[in-house]
Amino acid sequence: MPLIETRMEAATGNEGAKARAVSATAFGCLDAASITWVANDGEGEIMGLYDECLAAVRG
């Protein structure tokens, strides 16, 4: 977490929580992309799916 925490805004003092949220989101998107890729019999680019998942979270 320290590498992610250093990129968080320090004003609130909640860098740890923010870093965990960022990490959980990244892993959640990877999980969703992997499950979708497997469900599609490995067709397409898994990183493209990952990017789509991240874009969905970003809004």
Protein backbone atom coordinates (compact mmCIF):
# COMPACT_ATOMS: atom_id res chain seq x y z
CA MET A 1 0.00 0.00 0.00
CA PRO A 2 2.80 2.52 0.61
CA LEU A 3 3.36 3.11 -3.11
CA ILE A 4 -0.31 3.84 -3.65
CA GLU A 5 -0.63 5.89 -0.46
CA THR A 6 2.07 8.29 -1.61
CA ARG A 7 -0.12 9.19 -4.58
CA MET A 8 -3.15 9.98 -2.43
CA GLU A 9 -4.06 13.46 -1.28
CA ALA A 10 -2.67 13.82 2.24
CA ALA A 11 -5.04 16.57 3.40
CA THR A 12 -7.65 14.23 4.90
CA GLY A 13 -5.35 11.77 6.63
CA ASN A 14 -7.22 8.84 5.09
CA GLU A 15 -4.58 7.80 2.58
CA GLY A 16 -4.76 4.17 3.72
CA ALA A 17 -8.48 3.90 3.05
CA LYS A 18 -8.15 5.62 -0.30
CA ALA A 19 -5.26 3.37 -1.33
CA ARG A 20 -7.24 0.27 -0.38
CA ALA A 21 -10.22 1.50 -2.40
CA VAL A 22 -8.02 2.06 -5.46
CA SER A 23 -6.43 -1.35 -5.07
CA ALA A 24 -9.78 -3.10 -4.56
CA THR A 25 -11.19 -1.39 -7.64
CA ALA A 26 -8.26 -2.48 -9.78
CA PHE A 27 -8.56 -6.08 -8.60
CA GLY A 28 -12.34 -6.02 -9.00
CA CYS A 29 -11.96 -4.86 -12.58
CA LEU A 30 -9.36 -7.54 -13.25
CA ASP A 31 -11.71 -10.15 -11.80
CA ALA A 32 -14.64 -8.94 -13.92
CA ALA A 33 -12.48 -8.87 -17.05
CA SER A 34 -11.12 -12.36 -16.37
CA ILE A 35 -14.54 -13.86 -15.76
CA THR A 36 -15.90 -12.24 -18.93
CA TRP A 37 -12.90 -13.37 -20.96
CA VAL A 38 -13.28 -16.97 -19.76
CA ALA A 39 -17.04 -16.87 -20.40
CA ASN A 40 -16.22 -15.79 -23.96
CA ASP A 41 -13.89 -18.80 -24.36
CA GLY A 42 -10.79 -16.61 -24.32
CA GLU A 43 -11.88 -14.59 -27.31
CA GLY A 44 -10.63 -11.03 -27.59
CA GLU A 45 -8.11 -9.10 -25.59
CA ILE A 46 -8.33 -9.47 -21.84
CA MET A 47 -6.58 -6.12 -21.34
CA GLY A 48 -9.21 -4.48 -23.53
CA LEU A 49 -11.86 -5.90 -21.23
CA TYR A 50 -9.92 -4.65 -18.22
CA ASP A 51 -9.78 -1.17 -19.73
CA GLU A 52 -13.53 -1.28 -20.35
CA CYS A 53 -14.14 -2.27 -16.74
CA LEU A 54 -11.98 0.58 -15.46
CA ALA A 55 -13.77 3.01 -17.75
CA ALA A 56 -17.10 1.83 -16.35
CA VAL A 57 -15.93 2.56 -12.81
CA ARG A 58 -14.54 5.95 -13.75
CA GLY A 59 -17.85 6.88 -15.29
